[in-house]
Amino acid sequence: MSGLSIRNQKDFYSGLLFIVFGAAFMWIAQDYGFGTARRMGPAFFPIILSGILIAIGIFIAARGIAVAEEPMRGFTLKGLVLVIASTLLFGLLVRNAGVPLATALLVAISAFASQRFNWKPTLVLAIGMAVFCVVVFVYALGLPMPVRGPWLGG
C-alpha cells in the first residue's frame, strides 16, 4: 500500500496553516470561561471560531490530497514584503490618517504584489473597501476609529 501523496501543494499547506492557527487560538482560549450559548463567556467566540477554522483547514488539506492542480512554482519575496508592509502601514495610519486612507492604501499596496496587477480595478476595490469599512466599522458598529485622523485635520 502506497502512502498518501500531496497532489496540490497550495491547498494542502494552506489547510495545514488554517489548522495550526485554529489549534493555537483554541489552546490560548482554553484558560477562559466558555459559558453557554445564552451567556457566552470570553472563550465562547474564539473557541467556536477556532473550531470552524480547523474544520475549514481539514477540508482544504484533504482537497490538496484528493484534487491535482499545477504545482507551486515558487515564492516571491516582492509579494511577501508588499503585503506585510501594507499591513504595517495600515496599523500606523489608521489612527493618524483615518480609516478610509489607511484601508485604501492597504488594498492598493497589497494588490501591487500580484503578477496580474491592474490600476483600474485596484482603485475601484480600494475606494469600495474604504467606503465599506467606514460604513460598517465606524457608523454601523460604532467603533472608535477616525474617519479623518489628526494628520488630515480630524
N, C-alpha and C. Protein backbone atom coordinates (compact mmCIF):
# COMPACT_ATOMS: atom_id res chain seq x y z
N MET A 1 0.85 -1.18 0.00
CA MET A 1 0.00 0.00 0.00
C MET A 1 0.89 1.24 0.00
N SER A 2 0.66 2.11 -0.93
CA SER A 2 1.48 3.33 -1.01
C SER A 2 0.89 4.40 -0.11
N GLY A 3 1.76 5.32 0.32
CA GLY A 3 1.34 6.41 1.20
C GLY A 3 0.55 7.46 0.43
N LEU A 4 -0.07 8.34 1.18
CA LEU A 4 -0.80 9.43 0.56
C LEU A 4 0.17 10.39 -0.10
N SER A 5 -0.22 10.88 -1.25
CA SER A 5 0.63 11.87 -1.92
C SER A 5 -0.12 13.19 -2.01
N ILE A 6 0.65 14.24 -1.89
CA ILE A 6 0.07 15.58 -1.98
C ILE A 6 -0.03 15.93 -3.45
N ARG A 7 -1.24 16.13 -3.93
CA ARG A 7 -1.46 16.42 -5.35
C ARG A 7 -1.59 17.90 -5.62
N ASN A 8 -1.85 18.68 -4.58
CA ASN A 8 -1.98 20.13 -4.74
C ASN A 8 -1.34 20.77 -3.51
N GLN A 9 -0.08 21.18 -3.66
CA GLN A 9 0.66 21.71 -2.52
C GLN A 9 0.05 22.97 -1.95
N LYS A 10 -0.47 23.85 -2.81
CA LYS A 10 -1.05 25.10 -2.31
C LYS A 10 -2.20 24.82 -1.35
N ASP A 11 -3.12 23.98 -1.75
CA ASP A 11 -4.27 23.66 -0.89
C ASP A 11 -3.83 22.92 0.37
N PHE A 12 -2.95 21.95 0.21
CA PHE A 12 -2.54 21.15 1.36
C PHE A 12 -1.88 22.01 2.43
N TYR A 13 -0.91 22.83 2.04
CA TYR A 13 -0.20 23.63 3.03
C TYR A 13 -1.05 24.79 3.55
N SER A 14 -1.95 25.31 2.73
CA SER A 14 -2.89 26.32 3.22
C SER A 14 -3.80 25.71 4.29
N GLY A 15 -4.28 24.51 4.03
CA GLY A 15 -5.11 23.82 5.00
C GLY A 15 -4.38 23.57 6.31
N LEU A 16 -3.12 23.18 6.22
CA LEU A 16 -2.33 22.97 7.43
C LEU A 16 -2.16 24.27 8.20
N LEU A 17 -1.98 25.37 7.49
CA LEU A 17 -1.84 26.67 8.15
C LEU A 17 -3.13 27.03 8.89
N PHE A 18 -4.28 26.79 8.29
CA PHE A 18 -5.57 27.04 8.95
C PHE A 18 -5.67 26.19 10.22
N ILE A 19 -5.29 24.91 10.12
CA ILE A 19 -5.36 24.01 11.26
C ILE A 19 -4.45 24.48 12.38
N VAL A 20 -3.23 24.88 12.05
CA VAL A 20 -2.27 25.33 13.06
C VAL A 20 -2.78 26.58 13.77
N PHE A 21 -3.25 27.57 13.00
CA PHE A 21 -3.76 28.79 13.63
C PHE A 21 -5.01 28.52 14.45
N GLY A 22 -5.92 27.69 13.94
CA GLY A 22 -7.12 27.35 14.70
C GLY A 22 -6.78 26.65 16.00
N ALA A 23 -5.84 25.71 15.95
CA ALA A 23 -5.44 24.99 17.16
C ALA A 23 -4.74 25.92 18.16
N ALA A 24 -3.91 26.82 17.64
CA ALA A 24 -3.19 27.75 18.52
C ALA A 24 -4.17 28.67 19.25
N PHE A 25 -5.14 29.22 18.53
CA PHE A 25 -6.10 30.10 19.16
C PHE A 25 -7.01 29.35 20.11
N MET A 26 -7.33 28.11 19.78
CA MET A 26 -8.15 27.30 20.68
C MET A 26 -7.37 27.01 21.97
N TRP A 27 -6.09 26.72 21.84
CA TRP A 27 -5.25 26.46 23.01
C TRP A 27 -5.13 27.70 23.89
N ILE A 28 -4.98 28.87 23.27
CA ILE A 28 -4.90 30.12 24.03
C ILE A 28 -6.20 30.40 24.78
N ALA A 29 -7.34 30.13 24.13
CA ALA A 29 -8.64 30.46 24.70
C ALA A 29 -9.11 29.46 25.76
N GLN A 30 -8.43 28.35 25.91
CA GLN A 30 -8.90 27.31 26.84
C GLN A 30 -8.87 27.75 28.30
N ASP A 31 -8.08 28.75 28.63
CA ASP A 31 -8.00 29.21 30.02
C ASP A 31 -9.13 30.16 30.40
N TYR A 32 -9.91 30.59 29.43
CA TYR A 32 -11.03 31.50 29.70
C TYR A 32 -12.30 30.70 29.92
N GLY A 33 -13.28 31.32 30.56
CA GLY A 33 -14.57 30.67 30.77
C GLY A 33 -15.35 30.57 29.48
N PHE A 34 -15.88 29.37 29.20
CA PHE A 34 -16.60 29.15 27.94
C PHE A 34 -18.02 29.71 27.99
N GLY A 35 -18.74 29.47 29.06
CA GLY A 35 -20.12 29.93 29.16
C GLY A 35 -21.07 29.04 28.38
N THR A 36 -22.24 29.57 28.07
CA THR A 36 -23.25 28.84 27.30
C THR A 36 -23.66 29.69 26.11
N ALA A 37 -24.52 29.14 25.28
CA ALA A 37 -24.99 29.90 24.13
C ALA A 37 -25.79 31.13 24.55
N ARG A 38 -26.47 31.03 25.69
CA ARG A 38 -27.25 32.18 26.19
C ARG A 38 -26.39 33.20 26.92
N ARG A 39 -25.39 32.72 27.65
CA ARG A 39 -24.50 33.60 28.40
C ARG A 39 -23.06 33.24 28.04
N MET A 40 -22.64 33.80 26.93
CA MET A 40 -21.32 33.46 26.40
C MET A 40 -20.21 34.01 27.27
N GLY A 41 -19.22 33.17 27.50
CA GLY A 41 -18.03 33.59 28.22
C GLY A 41 -16.99 34.12 27.25
N PRO A 42 -15.86 34.59 27.76
CA PRO A 42 -14.84 35.16 26.89
C PRO A 42 -14.20 34.16 25.94
N ALA A 43 -14.33 32.87 26.21
CA ALA A 43 -13.73 31.87 25.33
C ALA A 43 -14.71 31.35 24.28
N PHE A 44 -15.99 31.66 24.43
CA PHE A 44 -17.01 31.08 23.55
C PHE A 44 -16.73 31.37 22.08
N PHE A 45 -16.63 32.63 21.74
CA PHE A 45 -16.43 33.00 20.34
C PHE A 45 -15.08 32.51 19.79
N PRO A 46 -13.96 32.72 20.51
CA PRO A 46 -12.68 32.23 19.96
C PRO A 46 -12.65 30.72 19.76
N ILE A 47 -13.25 29.97 20.67
CA ILE A 47 -13.21 28.51 20.52
C ILE A 47 -14.10 28.06 19.37
N ILE A 48 -15.28 28.63 19.25
CA ILE A 48 -16.17 28.26 18.14
C ILE A 48 -15.50 28.64 16.81
N LEU A 49 -14.95 29.84 16.74
CA LEU A 49 -14.28 30.30 15.52
C LEU A 49 -13.07 29.42 15.21
N SER A 50 -12.31 29.04 16.23
CA SER A 50 -11.16 28.15 16.04
C SER A 50 -11.60 26.80 15.50
N GLY A 51 -12.69 26.28 16.02
CA GLY A 51 -13.22 25.01 15.52
C GLY A 51 -13.61 25.09 14.06
N ILE A 52 -14.24 26.19 13.69
CA ILE A 52 -14.61 26.39 12.28
C ILE A 52 -13.35 26.50 11.42
N LEU A 53 -12.35 27.23 11.91
CA LEU A 53 -11.09 27.38 11.18
C LEU A 53 -10.40 26.03 10.99
N ILE A 54 -10.40 25.19 12.02
CA ILE A 54 -9.81 23.86 11.92
C ILE A 54 -10.58 23.01 10.92
N ALA A 55 -11.91 23.08 10.96
CA ALA A 55 -12.73 22.30 10.01
C ALA A 55 -12.46 22.73 8.57
N ILE A 56 -12.37 24.03 8.35
CA ILE A 56 -12.05 24.53 7.00
C ILE A 56 -10.66 24.05 6.59
N GLY A 57 -9.71 24.08 7.53
CA GLY A 57 -8.36 23.62 7.24
C GLY A 57 -8.32 22.15 6.86
N ILE A 58 -9.08 21.33 7.57
CA ILE A 58 -9.13 19.90 7.25
C ILE A 58 -9.69 19.70 5.84
N PHE A 59 -10.76 20.42 5.53
CA PHE A 59 -11.37 20.32 4.20
C PHE A 59 -10.38 20.73 3.11
N ILE A 60 -9.68 21.85 3.31
CA ILE A 60 -8.75 22.34 2.29
C ILE A 60 -7.55 21.41 2.16
N ALA A 61 -7.01 20.91 3.28
CA ALA A 61 -5.88 19.98 3.22
C ALA A 61 -6.28 18.67 2.54
N ALA A 62 -7.48 18.18 2.83
CA ALA A 62 -7.97 16.96 2.18
C ALA A 62 -8.12 17.18 0.67
N ARG A 63 -8.57 18.37 0.30
CA ARG A 63 -8.68 18.71 -1.12
C ARG A 63 -7.29 18.70 -1.77
N GLY A 64 -6.28 19.12 -1.03
CA GLY A 64 -4.92 19.11 -1.54
C GLY A 64 -4.39 17.71 -1.80
N ILE A 65 -4.94 16.73 -1.09
CA ILE A 65 -4.54 15.34 -1.31
C ILE A 65 -5.38 14.73 -2.43
N ALA A 66 -6.64 15.12 -2.53
CA ALA A 66 -7.56 14.48 -3.48
C ALA A 66 -7.55 15.09 -4.88
N VAL A 67 -7.35 16.38 -5.00
CA VAL A 67 -7.51 17.06 -6.29
C VAL A 67 -6.15 17.57 -6.78
N ALA A 68 -5.77 17.12 -7.95
CA ALA A 68 -4.48 17.54 -8.52
C ALA A 68 -4.63 18.87 -9.27
N GLU A 69 -3.70 19.76 -9.01
CA GLU A 69 -3.61 21.02 -9.75
C GLU A 69 -2.15 21.29 -10.01
N GLU A 70 -1.87 22.38 -10.71
CA GLU A 70 -0.47 22.67 -11.03
C GLU A 70 0.34 22.89 -9.76
N PRO A 71 1.58 22.42 -9.74
CA PRO A 71 2.40 22.58 -8.55
C PRO A 71 2.79 24.04 -8.31
N MET A 72 3.17 24.32 -7.08
CA MET A 72 3.62 25.67 -6.76
C MET A 72 4.89 25.95 -7.54
N ARG A 73 4.96 27.14 -8.12
CA ARG A 73 6.10 27.47 -8.94
C ARG A 73 7.22 28.11 -8.17
N GLY A 74 6.92 28.81 -7.17
CA GLY A 74 7.99 29.47 -6.44
C GLY A 74 7.44 30.43 -5.42
N PHE A 75 8.32 31.14 -4.86
CA PHE A 75 7.99 32.05 -3.78
C PHE A 75 8.47 33.44 -4.19
N THR A 76 7.59 34.43 -4.11
CA THR A 76 8.01 35.78 -4.49
C THR A 76 8.21 36.62 -3.24
N LEU A 77 9.40 37.12 -3.12
CA LEU A 77 9.72 37.98 -2.00
C LEU A 77 8.97 39.30 -2.11
N LYS A 78 8.76 39.76 -3.34
CA LYS A 78 8.04 41.02 -3.57
C LYS A 78 6.65 40.97 -2.94
N GLY A 79 5.92 39.91 -3.18
CA GLY A 79 4.58 39.78 -2.64
C GLY A 79 4.57 39.76 -1.12
N LEU A 80 5.46 39.01 -0.54
CA LEU A 80 5.55 38.93 0.91
C LEU A 80 5.85 40.29 1.53
N VAL A 81 6.82 40.98 0.97
CA VAL A 81 7.21 42.28 1.50
C VAL A 81 6.08 43.29 1.37
N LEU A 82 5.42 43.33 0.20
CA LEU A 82 4.35 44.31 -0.02
C LEU A 82 3.14 44.06 0.88
N VAL A 83 2.77 42.82 1.06
CA VAL A 83 1.61 42.52 1.91
C VAL A 83 1.91 42.85 3.37
N ILE A 84 3.09 42.48 3.84
CA ILE A 84 3.45 42.80 5.23
C ILE A 84 3.59 44.31 5.40
N ALA A 85 4.23 44.98 4.45
CA ALA A 85 4.41 46.43 4.54
C ALA A 85 3.07 47.15 4.53
N SER A 86 2.14 46.70 3.69
CA SER A 86 0.83 47.37 3.63
C SER A 86 0.07 47.18 4.94
N THR A 87 0.20 46.02 5.56
CA THR A 87 -0.46 45.77 6.84
C THR A 87 0.13 46.64 7.94
N LEU A 88 1.46 46.74 7.97
CA LEU A 88 2.10 47.61 8.95
C LEU A 88 1.74 49.07 8.73
N LEU A 89 1.71 49.49 7.46
CA LEU A 89 1.34 50.86 7.14
C LEU A 89 -0.10 51.16 7.58
N PHE A 90 -1.00 50.20 7.38
CA PHE A 90 -2.38 50.36 7.84
C PHE A 90 -2.40 50.60 9.34
N GLY A 91 -1.65 49.79 10.09
CA GLY A 91 -1.61 49.95 11.54
C GLY A 91 -1.08 51.31 11.96
N LEU A 92 -0.13 51.85 11.23
CA LEU A 92 0.42 53.16 11.54
C LEU A 92 -0.51 54.30 11.15
N LEU A 93 -1.26 54.12 10.06
CA LEU A 93 -2.07 55.21 9.53
C LEU A 93 -3.49 55.29 10.07
N VAL A 94 -4.05 54.17 10.52
CA VAL A 94 -5.48 54.15 10.84
C VAL A 94 -5.87 55.18 11.89
N ARG A 95 -5.06 55.42 12.88
CA ARG A 95 -5.39 56.41 13.91
C ARG A 95 -5.03 57.83 13.50
N ASN A 96 -3.97 57.98 12.74
CA ASN A 96 -3.49 59.32 12.42
C ASN A 96 -4.02 59.89 11.11
N ALA A 97 -4.34 59.02 10.15
CA ALA A 97 -4.84 59.50 8.86
C ALA A 97 -6.30 59.14 8.65
N GLY A 98 -6.81 58.17 9.40
CA GLY A 98 -8.21 57.77 9.29
C GLY A 98 -8.38 56.44 8.57
N VAL A 99 -9.54 55.86 8.77
CA VAL A 99 -9.86 54.55 8.21
C VAL A 99 -9.87 54.54 6.69
N PRO A 100 -10.47 55.52 6.00
CA PRO A 100 -10.54 55.42 4.55
C PRO A 100 -9.17 55.41 3.87
N LEU A 101 -8.30 56.32 4.26
CA LEU A 101 -6.98 56.38 3.63
C LEU A 101 -6.16 55.14 3.97
N ALA A 102 -6.18 54.72 5.22
CA ALA A 102 -5.42 53.54 5.62
C ALA A 102 -5.92 52.30 4.88
N THR A 103 -7.22 52.14 4.75
CA THR A 103 -7.79 50.99 4.06
C THR A 103 -7.46 51.02 2.57
N ALA A 104 -7.62 52.18 1.94
CA ALA A 104 -7.33 52.29 0.51
C ALA A 104 -5.87 51.98 0.22
N LEU A 105 -4.97 52.45 1.04
CA LEU A 105 -3.55 52.15 0.84
C LEU A 105 -3.24 50.68 1.09
N LEU A 106 -3.87 50.10 2.08
CA LEU A 106 -3.69 48.67 2.34
C LEU A 106 -4.07 47.85 1.10
N VAL A 107 -5.23 48.14 0.54
CA VAL A 107 -5.70 47.40 -0.63
C VAL A 107 -4.80 47.65 -1.84
N ALA A 108 -4.45 48.91 -2.09
CA ALA A 108 -3.65 49.23 -3.28
C ALA A 108 -2.25 48.63 -3.21
N ILE A 109 -1.60 48.74 -2.08
CA ILE A 109 -0.24 48.20 -1.96
C ILE A 109 -0.25 46.68 -1.99
N SER A 110 -1.23 46.07 -1.34
CA SER A 110 -1.33 44.60 -1.38
C SER A 110 -1.61 44.11 -2.80
N ALA A 111 -2.46 44.81 -3.52
CA ALA A 111 -2.78 44.40 -4.89
C ALA A 111 -1.56 44.50 -5.80
N PHE A 112 -0.69 45.45 -5.52
CA PHE A 112 0.52 45.62 -6.32
C PHE A 112 1.43 44.41 -6.23
N ALA A 113 1.24 43.56 -5.21
CA ALA A 113 2.03 42.34 -5.06
C ALA A 113 1.67 41.29 -6.11
N SER A 114 0.51 41.40 -6.72
CA SER A 114 0.06 40.42 -7.71
C SER A 114 0.81 40.57 -9.03
N GLN A 115 1.02 39.45 -9.70
CA GLN A 115 1.64 39.49 -11.02
C GLN A 115 0.67 40.01 -12.07
N ARG A 116 -0.62 39.96 -11.78
CA ARG A 116 -1.64 40.45 -12.71
C ARG A 116 -2.22 41.78 -12.26
N PHE A 117 -1.39 42.61 -11.68
CA PHE A 117 -1.82 43.91 -11.14
C PHE A 117 -2.35 44.81 -12.26
N ASN A 118 -3.47 45.51 -11.97
CA ASN A 118 -4.05 46.46 -12.91
C ASN A 118 -4.61 47.62 -12.08
N TRP A 119 -4.28 48.86 -12.45
CA TRP A 119 -4.65 50.02 -11.65
C TRP A 119 -6.15 50.25 -11.54
N LYS A 120 -6.88 50.11 -12.65
CA LYS A 120 -8.32 50.45 -12.62
C LYS A 120 -9.11 49.61 -11.62
N PRO A 121 -9.07 48.28 -11.71
CA PRO A 121 -9.82 47.51 -10.72
C PRO A 121 -9.29 47.70 -9.30
N THR A 122 -7.99 47.93 -9.17
CA THR A 122 -7.42 48.15 -7.85
C THR A 122 -7.98 49.42 -7.22
N LEU A 123 -8.07 50.49 -7.99
CA LEU A 123 -8.62 51.74 -7.46
C LEU A 123 -10.08 51.59 -7.08
N VAL A 124 -10.84 50.90 -7.92
CA VAL A 124 -12.25 50.67 -7.61
C VAL A 124 -12.39 49.86 -6.33
N LEU A 125 -11.59 48.80 -6.20
CA LEU A 125 -11.63 47.98 -5.00
C LEU A 125 -11.18 48.76 -3.76
N ALA A 126 -10.12 49.56 -3.90
CA ALA A 126 -9.61 50.33 -2.76
C ALA A 126 -10.64 51.34 -2.27
N ILE A 127 -11.28 52.04 -3.19
CA ILE A 127 -12.31 53.02 -2.80
C ILE A 127 -13.51 52.30 -2.20
N GLY A 128 -13.93 51.20 -2.83
CA GLY A 128 -15.07 50.44 -2.33
C GLY A 128 -14.82 49.89 -0.93
N MET A 129 -13.64 49.35 -0.70
CA MET A 129 -13.31 48.82 0.63
C MET A 129 -13.22 49.93 1.67
N ALA A 130 -12.69 51.09 1.27
CA ALA A 130 -12.61 52.21 2.21
C ALA A 130 -14.00 52.65 2.64
N VAL A 131 -14.90 52.78 1.68
CA VAL A 131 -16.28 53.18 1.99
C VAL A 131 -16.96 52.10 2.84
N PHE A 132 -16.80 50.85 2.45
CA PHE A 132 -17.39 49.74 3.20
C PHE A 132 -16.92 49.73 4.65
N CYS A 133 -15.60 49.88 4.87
CA CYS A 133 -15.06 49.84 6.23
C CYS A 133 -15.57 51.01 7.08
N VAL A 134 -15.69 52.18 6.47
CA VAL A 134 -16.22 53.33 7.22
C VAL A 134 -17.67 53.08 7.61
N VAL A 135 -18.47 52.63 6.65
CA VAL A 135 -19.89 52.41 6.91
C VAL A 135 -20.09 51.32 7.97
N VAL A 136 -19.40 50.19 7.80
CA VAL A 136 -19.62 49.07 8.71
C VAL A 136 -18.97 49.30 10.08
N PHE A 137 -17.69 49.63 10.09
CA PHE A 137 -16.97 49.66 11.37
C PHE A 137 -17.16 50.96 12.14
N VAL A 138 -17.19 52.08 11.45
CA VAL A 138 -17.31 53.36 12.15
C VAL A 138 -18.77 53.69 12.46
N TYR A 139 -19.62 53.64 11.43
CA TYR A 139 -21.00 54.06 11.62
C TYR A 139 -21.91 52.95 12.15
N ALA A 140 -21.90 51.77 11.52
CA ALA A 140 -22.83 50.71 11.94
C ALA A 140 -22.43 50.10 13.29
N LEU A 141 -21.15 49.79 13.47
CA LEU A 141 -20.71 49.16 14.72
C LEU A 141 -20.27 50.17 15.77
N GLY A 142 -20.04 51.40 15.35
CA GLY A 142 -19.67 52.45 16.29
C GLY A 142 -18.27 52.30 16.89
N LEU A 143 -17.37 51.67 16.18
CA LEU A 143 -16.01 51.52 16.70
C LEU A 143 -15.32 52.89 16.73
N PRO A 144 -14.53 53.13 17.76
CA PRO A 144 -13.89 54.44 17.88
C PRO A 144 -12.67 54.57 16.96
N MET A 145 -12.94 54.63 15.68
CA MET A 145 -11.90 54.79 14.67
C MET A 145 -12.19 56.05 13.89
N PRO A 146 -11.19 56.89 13.65
CA PRO A 146 -11.46 58.15 12.98
C PRO A 146 -11.67 57.99 11.47
N VAL A 147 -12.63 58.75 10.96
CA VAL A 147 -12.81 58.81 9.51
C VAL A 147 -11.72 59.72 8.94
N ARG A 148 -11.44 60.80 9.64
CA ARG A 148 -10.32 61.70 9.30
C ARG A 148 -9.46 61.84 10.54
N GLY A 149 -8.22 61.43 10.42
CA GLY A 149 -7.32 61.48 11.55
C GLY A 149 -6.72 62.86 11.74
N PRO A 150 -5.94 63.04 12.81
CA PRO A 150 -5.34 64.35 13.11
C PRO A 150 -4.41 64.84 11.99
N TRP A 151 -3.79 63.93 11.26
CA TRP A 151 -2.92 64.34 10.16
C TRP A 151 -3.70 65.03 9.04
N LEU A 152 -4.99 64.72 8.94
CA LEU A 152 -5.82 65.30 7.89
C LEU A 152 -6.83 66.30 8.45
N GLY A 153 -6.55 66.82 9.62
CA GLY A 153 -7.39 67.85 10.23
C GLY A 153 -8.60 67.31 10.97
N GLY A 154 -8.59 66.04 11.32
CA GLY A 154 -9.74 65.44 12.02
C GLY A 154 -9.70 65.62 13.51
